[in-house]
Amino acid sequence: MTSYSVGAVLPSRTFTVTRADVRRYAQASGDVNPIHLDDEAARRAGLPRSIAHGMLLMGLVGSVASEWAGRADRVQQMSCRFADVVTGPLTVT
């Protein structure tokens, strides 16, 4: 296991979340809000295009945190603030 100290810069990861990924997540989660699935519905809601689910993105971040920690059970708590929408590749730093 790699050991990190407070303030350490962790390795970056980039994820490409496709529309197919978003559709699969919508079906699995039951969150079929049109802003995630339809560009026109998203535009009507004031968004540039359809957006990925926040919890889908948090799940990806959680998987990276587990990798950094060495095991999933070492991640005891996570929180996030959704500051903006994601319409393109996600880079976790």
PDB file of N, CA and C in Angstrom:
ATOM      1  N   MET A   1       0.834  -1.176   0.000  1.00  0.00           N
ATOM      2  CA  MET A   1       0.000   0.000   0.000  1.00  0.00           C
ATOM      3  C   MET A   1       0.882   1.244   0.000  1.00  0.00           C
ATOM      4  N   THR A   2       0.533   2.208  -0.815  1.00  0.00           N
ATOM      5  CA  THR A   2       1.231   3.475  -0.841  1.00  0.00           C
ATOM      6  C   THR A   2       0.744   4.330   0.313  1.00  0.00           C
ATOM      7  N   SER A   3       1.668   5.019   0.969  1.00  0.00           N
ATOM      8  CA  SER A   3       1.307   5.881   2.078  1.00  0.00           C
ATOM      9  C   SER A   3       1.333   7.329   1.614  1.00  0.00           C
ATOM     10  N   TYR A   4       0.285   8.079   1.958  1.00  0.00           N
ATOM     11  CA  TYR A   4       0.195   9.493   1.604  1.00  0.00           C
ATOM     12  C   TYR A   4       0.124  10.314   2.877  1.00  0.00           C
ATOM     13  N   SER A   5       0.762  11.469   2.863  1.00  0.00           N
ATOM     14  CA  SER A   5       0.662  12.372   4.009  1.00  0.00           C
ATOM     15  C   SER A   5      -0.292  13.515   3.674  1.00  0.00           C
ATOM     16  N   VAL A   6      -0.757  14.200   4.694  1.00  0.00           N
ATOM     17  CA  VAL A   6      -1.664  15.330   4.502  1.00  0.00           C
ATOM     18  C   VAL A   6      -0.999  16.343   3.581  1.00  0.00           C
ATOM     19  N   GLY A   7      -1.733  16.795   2.589  1.00  0.00           N
ATOM     20  CA  GLY A   7      -1.225  17.783   1.637  1.00  0.00           C
ATOM     21  C   GLY A   7      -0.538  17.181   0.429  1.00  0.00           C
ATOM     22  N   ALA A   8      -0.400  15.857   0.400  1.00  0.00           N
ATOM     23  CA  ALA A   8       0.244  15.203  -0.741  1.00  0.00           C
ATOM     24  C   ALA A   8      -0.594  15.397  -1.992  1.00  0.00           C
ATOM     25  N   VAL A   9       0.073  15.534  -3.132  1.00  0.00           N
ATOM     26  CA  VAL A   9      -0.618  15.609  -4.417  1.00  0.00           C
ATOM     27  C   VAL A   9      -0.780  14.176  -4.916  1.00  0.00           C
ATOM     28  N   LEU A  10      -2.016  13.773  -5.084  1.00  0.00           N
ATOM     29  CA  LEU A  10      -2.311  12.411  -5.502  1.00  0.00           C
ATOM     30  C   LEU A  10      -2.337  12.318  -7.023  1.00  0.00           C
ATOM     31  N   PRO A  11      -2.121  11.121  -7.565  1.00  0.00           N
ATOM     32  CA  PRO A  11      -2.143  10.950  -9.016  1.00  0.00           C
ATOM     33  C   PRO A  11      -3.517  11.291  -9.593  1.00  0.00           C
ATOM     34  N   SER A  12      -3.525  11.877 -10.774  1.00  0.00           N
ATOM     35  CA  SER A  12      -4.777  12.208 -11.459  1.00  0.00           C
ATOM     36  C   SER A  12      -5.316  10.998 -12.202  1.00  0.00           C
ATOM     37  N   ARG A  13      -6.605  10.974 -12.372  1.00  0.00           N
ATOM     38  CA  ARG A  13      -7.278   9.972 -13.196  1.00  0.00           C
ATOM     39  C   ARG A  13      -8.273  10.706 -14.074  1.00  0.00           C
ATOM     40  N   THR A  14      -8.402  10.274 -15.296  1.00  0.00           N
ATOM     41  CA  THR A  14      -9.386  10.847 -16.205  1.00  0.00           C
ATOM     42  C   THR A  14     -10.358   9.761 -16.614  1.00  0.00           C
ATOM     43  N   PHE A  15     -11.646  10.066 -16.529  1.00  0.00           N
ATOM     44  CA  PHE A  15     -12.702   9.151 -16.942  1.00  0.00           C
ATOM     45  C   PHE A  15     -13.471   9.802 -18.082  1.00  0.00           C
ATOM     46  N   THR A  16     -13.794   9.047 -19.076  1.00  0.00           N
ATOM     47  CA  THR A  16     -14.712   9.511 -20.100  1.00  0.00           C
ATOM     48  C   THR A  16     -16.048   8.847 -19.832  1.00  0.00           C
ATOM     49  N   VAL A  17     -17.046   9.670 -19.533  1.00  0.00           N
ATOM     50  CA  VAL A  17     -18.391   9.179 -19.260  1.00  0.00           C
ATOM     51  C   VAL A  17     -19.198   9.367 -20.538  1.00  0.00           C
ATOM     52  N   THR A  18     -19.613   8.272 -21.135  1.00  0.00           N
ATOM     53  CA  THR A  18     -20.342   8.332 -22.402  1.00  0.00           C
ATOM     54  C   THR A  18     -21.837   8.444 -22.160  1.00  0.00           C
ATOM     55  N   ARG A  19     -22.558   8.786 -23.198  1.00  0.00           N
ATOM     56  CA  ARG A  19     -24.018   8.816 -23.100  1.00  0.00           C
ATOM     57  C   ARG A  19     -24.557   7.426 -22.759  1.00  0.00           C
ATOM     58  N   ALA A  20     -23.916   6.398 -23.280  1.00  0.00           N
ATOM     59  CA  ALA A  20     -24.328   5.028 -22.961  1.00  0.00           C
ATOM     60  C   ALA A  20     -24.138   4.755 -21.464  1.00  0.00           C
ATOM     61  N   ASP A  21     -23.034   5.249 -20.883  1.00  0.00           N
ATOM     62  CA  ASP A  21     -22.806   5.098 -19.443  1.00  0.00           C
ATOM     63  C   ASP A  21     -23.933   5.772 -18.663  1.00  0.00           C
ATOM     64  N   VAL A  22     -24.298   6.984 -19.092  1.00  0.00           N
ATOM     65  CA  VAL A  22     -25.355   7.739 -18.401  1.00  0.00           C
ATOM     66  C   VAL A  22     -26.689   7.009 -18.522  1.00  0.00           C
ATOM     67  N   ARG A  23     -26.990   6.466 -19.700  1.00  0.00           N
ATOM     68  CA  ARG A  23     -28.246   5.702 -19.874  1.00  0.00           C
ATOM     69  C   ARG A  23     -28.265   4.477 -18.968  1.00  0.00           C
ATOM     70  N   ARG A  24     -27.143   3.747 -18.920  1.00  0.00           N
ATOM     71  CA  ARG A  24     -27.080   2.563 -18.056  1.00  0.00           C
ATOM     72  C   ARG A  24     -27.248   2.954 -16.584  1.00  0.00           C
ATOM     73  N   TYR A  25     -26.612   4.053 -16.182  1.00  0.00           N
ATOM     74  CA  TYR A  25     -26.748   4.496 -14.792  1.00  0.00           C
ATOM     75  C   TYR A  25     -28.189   4.903 -14.507  1.00  0.00           C
ATOM     76  N   ALA A  26     -28.816   5.594 -15.442  1.00  0.00           N
ATOM     77  CA  ALA A  26     -30.218   6.016 -15.262  1.00  0.00           C
ATOM     78  C   ALA A  26     -31.107   4.799 -15.028  1.00  0.00           C
ATOM     79  N   GLN A  27     -30.916   3.759 -15.825  1.00  0.00           N
ATOM     80  CA  GLN A  27     -31.726   2.552 -15.665  1.00  0.00           C
ATOM     81  C   GLN A  27     -31.446   1.865 -14.338  1.00  0.00           C
ATOM     82  N   ALA A  28     -30.171   1.762 -13.979  1.00  0.00           N
ATOM     83  CA  ALA A  28     -29.806   1.064 -12.744  1.00  0.00           C
ATOM     84  C   ALA A  28     -30.268   1.817 -11.502  1.00  0.00           C
ATOM     85  N   SER A  29     -30.205   3.140 -11.551  1.00  0.00           N
ATOM     86  CA  SER A  29     -30.528   3.947 -10.366  1.00  0.00           C
ATOM     87  C   SER A  29     -32.001   4.323 -10.293  1.00  0.00           C
ATOM     88  N   GLY A  30     -32.690   4.247 -11.424  1.00  0.00           N
ATOM     89  CA  GLY A  30     -34.075   4.701 -11.474  1.00  0.00           C
ATOM     90  C   GLY A  30     -34.209   6.200 -11.662  1.00  0.00           C
ATOM     91  N   ASP A  31     -33.084   6.909 -11.820  1.00  0.00           N
ATOM     92  CA  ASP A  31     -33.099   8.357 -12.025  1.00  0.00           C
ATOM     93  C   ASP A  31     -33.117   8.625 -13.525  1.00  0.00           C
ATOM     94  N   VAL A  32     -34.313   8.693 -14.068  1.00  0.00           N
ATOM     95  CA  VAL A  32     -34.471   8.894 -15.509  1.00  0.00           C
ATOM     96  C   VAL A  32     -34.872  10.342 -15.825  1.00  0.00           C
ATOM     97  N   ASN A  33     -34.435  11.280 -14.992  1.00  0.00           N
ATOM     98  CA  ASN A  33     -34.683  12.696 -15.231  1.00  0.00           C
ATOM     99  C   ASN A  33     -34.189  13.032 -16.646  1.00  0.00           C
ATOM    100  N   PRO A  34     -35.025  13.664 -17.468  1.00  0.00           N
ATOM    101  CA  PRO A  34     -34.649  13.948 -18.855  1.00  0.00           C
ATOM    102  C   PRO A  34     -33.384  14.794 -19.019  1.00  0.00           C
ATOM    103  N   ILE A  35     -32.988  15.565 -18.001  1.00  0.00           N
ATOM    104  CA  ILE A  35     -31.768  16.363 -18.157  1.00  0.00           C
ATOM    105  C   ILE A  35     -30.532  15.481 -18.306  1.00  0.00           C
ATOM    106  N   HIS A  36     -30.654  14.212 -17.928  1.00  0.00           N
ATOM    107  CA  HIS A  36     -29.547  13.277 -18.067  1.00  0.00           C
ATOM    108  C   HIS A  36     -29.601  12.516 -19.386  1.00  0.00           C
ATOM    109  N   LEU A  37     -30.733  12.519 -20.035  1.00  0.00           N
ATOM    110  CA  LEU A  37     -30.936  11.627 -21.181  1.00  0.00           C
ATOM    111  C   LEU A  37     -31.267  12.338 -22.491  1.00  0.00           C
ATOM    112  N   ASP A  38     -31.652  13.606 -22.429  1.00  0.00           N
ATOM    113  CA  ASP A  38     -32.144  14.287 -23.621  1.00  0.00           C
ATOM    114  C   ASP A  38     -31.578  15.703 -23.682  1.00  0.00           C
ATOM    115  N   ASP A  39     -30.817  15.985 -24.753  1.00  0.00           N
ATOM    116  CA  ASP A  39     -30.193  17.308 -24.889  1.00  0.00           C
ATOM    117  C   ASP A  39     -31.226  18.431 -24.892  1.00  0.00           C
ATOM    118  N   GLU A  40     -32.320  18.240 -25.584  1.00  0.00           N
ATOM    119  CA  GLU A  40     -33.326  19.301 -25.679  1.00  0.00           C
ATOM    120  C   GLU A  40     -33.960  19.561 -24.315  1.00  0.00           C
ATOM    121  N   ALA A  41     -34.272  18.535 -23.576  1.00  0.00           N
ATOM    122  CA  ALA A  41     -34.827  18.713 -22.234  1.00  0.00           C
ATOM    123  C   ALA A  41     -33.818  19.427 -21.333  1.00  0.00           C
ATOM    124  N   ALA A  42     -32.557  19.076 -21.463  1.00  0.00           N
ATOM    125  CA  ALA A  42     -31.515  19.738 -20.668  1.00  0.00           C
ATOM    126  C   ALA A  42     -31.424  21.218 -21.032  1.00  0.00           C
ATOM    127  N   ARG A  43     -31.483  21.542 -22.320  1.00  0.00           N
ATOM    128  CA  ARG A  43     -31.435  22.950 -22.736  1.00  0.00           C
ATOM    129  C   ARG A  43     -32.631  23.730 -22.189  1.00  0.00           C
ATOM    130  N   ARG A  44     -33.812  23.105 -22.215  1.00  0.00           N
ATOM    131  CA  ARG A  44     -34.990  23.769 -21.653  1.00  0.00           C
ATOM    132  C   ARG A  44     -34.811  24.056 -20.158  1.00  0.00           C
ATOM    133  N   ALA A  45     -34.002  23.255 -19.501  1.00  0.00           N
ATOM    134  CA  ALA A  45     -33.729  23.447 -18.075  1.00  0.00           C
ATOM    135  C   ALA A  45     -32.559  24.409 -17.842  1.00  0.00           C
ATOM    136  N   GLY A  46     -32.031  24.989 -18.932  1.00  0.00           N
ATOM    137  CA  GLY A  46     -30.950  25.962 -18.803  1.00  0.00           C
ATOM    138  C   GLY A  46     -29.550  25.380 -18.832  1.00  0.00           C
ATOM    139  N   LEU A  47     -29.431  24.132 -19.225  1.00  0.00           N
ATOM    140  CA  LEU A  47     -28.127  23.469 -19.293  1.00  0.00           C
ATOM    141  C   LEU A  47     -27.629  23.467 -20.732  1.00  0.00           C
ATOM    142  N   PRO A  48     -26.325  23.323 -20.942  1.00  0.00           N
ATOM    143  CA  PRO A  48     -25.800  23.335 -22.311  1.00  0.00           C
ATOM    144  C   PRO A  48     -26.169  22.095 -23.125  1.00  0.00           C
ATOM    145  N   ARG A  49     -26.333  20.979 -22.460  1.00  0.00           N
ATOM    146  CA  ARG A  49     -26.715  19.692 -23.054  1.00  0.00           C
ATOM    147  C   ARG A  49     -27.005  18.740 -21.914  1.00  0.00           C
ATOM    148  N   SER A  50     -27.329  17.496 -22.230  1.00  0.00           N
ATOM    149  CA  SER A  50     -27.589  16.534 -21.155  1.00  0.00           C
ATOM    150  C   SER A  50     -26.326  16.374 -20.306  1.00  0.00           C
ATOM    151  N   ILE A  51     -26.537  16.077 -19.031  1.00  0.00           N
ATOM    152  CA  ILE A  51     -25.429  16.022 -18.080  1.00  0.00           C
ATOM    153  C   ILE A  51     -25.392  14.668 -17.380  1.00  0.00           C
ATOM    154  N   ALA A  52     -24.219  14.327 -16.892  1.00  0.00           N
ATOM    155  CA  ALA A  52     -24.053  13.090 -16.135  1.00  0.00           C
ATOM    156  C   ALA A  52     -24.674  13.250 -14.749  1.00  0.00           C
ATOM    157  N   HIS A  53     -25.110  12.149 -14.176  1.00  0.00           N
ATOM    158  CA  HIS A  53     -25.652  12.131 -12.817  1.00  0.00           C
ATOM    159  C   HIS A  53     -24.531  12.439 -11.816  1.00  0.00           C
ATOM    160  N   GLY A  54     -24.824  13.280 -10.856  1.00  0.00           N
ATOM    161  CA  GLY A  54     -23.837  13.583  -9.826  1.00  0.00           C
ATOM    162  C   GLY A  54     -23.392  12.350  -9.063  1.00  0.00           C
ATOM    163  N   MET A  55     -24.330  11.464  -8.757  1.00  0.00           N
ATOM    164  CA  MET A  55     -23.961  10.275  -7.988  1.00  0.00           C
ATOM    165  C   MET A  55     -23.153   9.277  -8.819  1.00  0.00           C
ATOM    166  N   LEU A  56     -23.332   9.275 -10.127  1.00  0.00           N
ATOM    167  CA  LEU A  56     -22.477   8.458 -10.996  1.00  0.00           C
ATOM    168  C   LEU A  56     -21.040   8.957 -10.875  1.00  0.00           C
ATOM    169  N   LEU A  57     -20.871  10.278 -10.926  1.00  0.00           N
ATOM    170  CA  LEU A  57     -19.532  10.855 -10.823  1.00  0.00           C
ATOM    171  C   LEU A  57     -18.933  10.616  -9.448  1.00  0.00           C
ATOM    172  N   MET A  58     -19.745  10.733  -8.413  1.00  0.00           N
ATOM    173  CA  MET A  58     -19.235  10.477  -7.064  1.00  0.00           C
ATOM    174  C   MET A  58     -18.805   9.020  -6.915  1.00  0.00           C
ATOM    175  N   GLY A  59     -19.518   8.115  -7.559  1.00  0.00           N
ATOM    176  CA  GLY A  59     -19.107   6.713  -7.537  1.00  0.00           C
ATOM    177  C   GLY A  59     -17.742   6.513  -8.170  1.00  0.00           C
ATOM    178  N   LEU A  60     -17.483   7.221  -9.270  1.00  0.00           N
ATOM    179  CA  LEU A  60     -16.161   7.135  -9.909  1.00  0.00           C
ATOM    180  C   LEU A  60     -15.085   7.693  -8.987  1.00  0.00           C
ATOM    181  N   VAL A  61     -15.376   8.813  -8.352  1.00  0.00           N
ATOM    182  CA  VAL A  61     -14.425   9.396  -7.407  1.00  0.00           C
ATOM    183  C   VAL A  61     -14.183   8.430  -6.242  1.00  0.00           C
ATOM    184  N   GLY A  62     -15.232   7.772  -5.774  1.00  0.00           N
ATOM    185  CA  GLY A  62     -15.090   6.798  -4.697  1.00  0.00           C
ATOM    186  C   GLY A  62     -14.192   5.640  -5.081  1.00  0.00           C
ATOM    187  N   SER A  63     -14.286   5.214  -6.341  1.00  0.00           N
ATOM    188  CA  SER A  63     -13.416   4.113  -6.779  1.00  0.00           C
ATOM    189  C   SER A  63     -11.950   4.545  -6.775  1.00  0.00           C
ATOM    190  N   VAL A  64     -11.693   5.794  -7.133  1.00  0.00           N
ATOM    191  CA  VAL A  64     -10.322   6.307  -7.101  1.00  0.00           C
ATOM    192  C   VAL A  64      -9.847   6.442  -5.656  1.00  0.00           C
ATOM    193  N   ALA A  65     -10.702   6.934  -4.774  1.00  0.00           N
ATOM    194  CA  ALA A  65     -10.328   7.048  -3.356  1.00  0.00           C
ATOM    195  C   ALA A  65      -9.967   5.676  -2.789  1.00  0.00           C
ATOM    196  N   SER A  66     -10.718   4.656  -3.183  1.00  0.00           N
ATOM    197  CA  SER A  66     -10.420   3.292  -2.725  1.00  0.00           C
ATOM    198  C   SER A  66      -9.068   2.825  -3.232  1.00  0.00           C
ATOM    199  N   GLU A  67      -8.765   3.142  -4.492  1.00  0.00           N
ATOM    200  CA  GLU A  67      -7.450   2.787  -5.041  1.00  0.00           C
ATOM    201  C   GLU A  67      -6.345   3.492  -4.267  1.00  0.00           C
ATOM    202  N   TRP A  68      -6.501   4.801  -4.033  1.00  0.00           N
ATOM    203  CA  TRP A  68      -5.483   5.555  -3.303  1.00  0.00           C
ATOM    204  C   TRP A  68      -5.290   4.999  -1.896  1.00  0.00           C
ATOM    205  N   ALA A  69      -6.392   4.581  -1.273  1.00  0.00           N
ATOM    206  CA  ALA A  69      -6.330   4.075   0.100  1.00  0.00           C
ATOM    207  C   ALA A  69      -5.809   2.646   0.172  1.00  0.00           C
ATOM    208  N   GLY A  70      -5.804   1.954  -0.950  1.00  0.00           N
ATOM    209  CA  GLY A  70      -5.322   0.576  -0.966  1.00  0.00           C
ATOM    210  C   GLY A  70      -6.417  -0.458  -0.893  1.00  0.00           C
ATOM    211  N   ARG A  71      -7.544  -0.124  -0.284  1.00  0.00           N
ATOM    212  CA  ARG A  71      -8.695  -1.018  -0.183  1.00  0.00           C
ATOM    213  C   ARG A  71      -9.937  -0.172   0.053  1.00  0.00           C
ATOM    214  N   ALA A  72     -11.067  -0.681  -0.411  1.00  0.00           N
ATOM    215  CA  ALA A  72     -12.322   0.055  -0.262  1.00  0.00           C
ATOM    216  C   ALA A  72     -12.694   0.269   1.197  1.00  0.00           C
ATOM    217  N   ASP A  73     -12.384  -0.700   2.075  1.00  0.00           N
ATOM    218  CA  ASP A  73     -12.800  -0.554   3.470  1.00  0.00           C
ATOM    219  C   ASP A  73     -11.989   0.489   4.229  1.00  0.00           C
ATOM    220  N   ARG A  74     -10.958   1.030   3.602  1.00  0.00           N
ATOM    221  CA  ARG A  74     -10.185   2.100   4.236  1.00  0.00           C
ATOM    222  C   ARG A  74     -10.813   3.476   3.992  1.00  0.00           C
ATOM    223  N   VAL A  75     -11.765   3.544   3.094  1.00  0.00           N
ATOM    224  CA  VAL A  75     -12.502   4.792   2.860  1.00  0.00           C
ATOM    225  C   VAL A  75     -13.740   4.725   3.732  1.00  0.00           C
ATOM    226  N   GLN A  76     -13.724   5.472   4.810  1.00  0.00           N
ATOM    227  CA  GLN A  76     -14.810   5.389   5.780  1.00  0.00           C
ATOM    228  C   GLN A  76     -15.898   6.413   5.543  1.00  0.00           C
ATOM    229  N   GLN A  77     -15.574   7.496   4.885  1.00  0.00           N
ATOM    230  CA  GLN A  77     -16.578   8.534   4.655  1.00  0.00           C
ATOM    231  C   GLN A  77     -16.154   9.382   3.465  1.00  0.00           C
ATOM    232  N   MET A  78     -17.136   9.792   2.693  1.00  0.00           N
ATOM    233  CA  MET A  78     -16.896  10.702   1.572  1.00  0.00           C
ATOM    234  C   MET A  78     -18.014  11.730   1.551  1.00  0.00           C
ATOM    235  N   SER A  79     -17.690  12.905   1.102  1.00  0.00           N
ATOM    236  CA  SER A  79     -18.717  13.911   0.853  1.00  0.00           C
ATOM    237  C   SER A  79     -18.259  14.734  -0.337  1.00  0.00           C
ATOM    238  N   CYS A  80     -19.200  15.403  -0.954  1.00  0.00           N
ATOM    239  CA  CYS A  80     -18.838  16.249  -2.077  1.00  0.00           C
ATOM    240  C   CYS A  80     -19.829  17.393  -2.190  1.00  0.00           C
ATOM    241  N   ARG A  81     -19.450  18.372  -2.953  1.00  0.00           N
ATOM    242  CA  ARG A  81     -20.326  19.486  -3.302  1.00  0.00           C
ATOM    243  C   ARG A  81     -20.339  19.550  -4.809  1.00  0.00           C
ATOM    244  N   PHE A  82     -21.500  19.468  -5.405  1.00  0.00           N
ATOM    245  CA  PHE A  82     -21.628  19.518  -6.849  1.00  0.00           C
ATOM    246  C   PHE A  82     -21.615  20.980  -7.276  1.00  0.00           C
ATOM    247  N   ALA A  83     -20.449  21.461  -7.697  1.00  0.00           N
ATOM    248  CA  ALA A  83     -20.256  22.881  -7.998  1.00  0.00           C
ATOM    249  C   ALA A  83     -20.625  23.237  -9.425  1.00  0.00           C
ATOM    250  N   ASP A  84     -20.653  22.263 -10.315  1.00  0.00           N
ATOM    251  CA  ASP A  84     -20.960  22.536 -11.714  1.00  0.00           C
ATOM    252  C   ASP A  84     -21.381  21.236 -12.378  1.00  0.00           C
ATOM    253  N   VAL A  85     -21.887  21.348 -13.584  1.00  0.00           N
ATOM    254  CA  VAL A  85     -22.291  20.162 -14.330  1.00  0.00           C
ATOM    255  C   VAL A  85     -21.100  19.595 -15.087  1.00  0.00           C
ATOM    256  N   VAL A  86     -21.161  18.326 -15.399  1.00  0.00           N
ATOM    257  CA  VAL A  86     -20.117  17.671 -16.186  1.00  0.00           C
ATOM    258  C   VAL A  86     -20.720  17.274 -17.524  1.00  0.00           C
ATOM    259  N   THR A  87     -20.167  17.837 -18.597  1.00  0.00           N
ATOM    260  CA  THR A  87     -20.624  17.496 -19.938  1.00  0.00           C
ATOM    261  C   THR A  87     -19.508  16.885 -20.764  1.00  0.00           C
ATOM    262  N   GLY A  88     -18.331  16.759 -20.207  1.00  0.00           N
ATOM    263  CA  GLY A  88     -17.197  16.193 -20.935  1.00  0.00           C
ATOM    264  C   GLY A  88     -16.396  15.278 -20.038  1.00  0.00           C
ATOM    265  N   PRO A  89     -15.161  14.941 -20.435  1.00  0.00           N
ATOM    266  CA  PRO A  89     -14.333  14.046 -19.622  1.00  0.00           C
ATOM    267  C   PRO A  89     -14.175  14.558 -18.201  1.00  0.00           C
ATOM    268  N   LEU A  90     -14.124  13.642 -17.265  1.00  0.00           N
ATOM    269  CA  LEU A  90     -13.970  13.953 -15.846  1.00  0.00           C
ATOM    270  C   LEU A  90     -12.539  13.642 -15.442  1.00  0.00           C
ATOM    271  N   THR A  91     -11.830  14.623 -14.876  1.00  0.00           N
ATOM    272  CA  THR A  91     -10.500  14.388 -14.354  1.00  0.00           C
ATOM    273  C   THR A  91     -10.555  14.461 -12.846  1.00  0.00           C
ATOM    274  N   VAL A  92     -10.111  13.419 -12.192  1.00  0.00           N
ATOM    275  CA  VAL A  92     -10.096  13.362 -10.734  1.00  0.00           C
ATOM    276  C   VAL A  92      -8.678  13.667 -10.274  1.00  0.00           C
ATOM    277  N   THR A  93      -8.536  14.741  -9.491  1.00  0.00           N
ATOM    278  CA  THR A  93      -7.211  15.087  -8.971  1.00  0.00           C
ATOM    279  C   THR A  93      -7.273  15.215  -7.477  1.00  0.00           C
TER     280      THR A  93
END
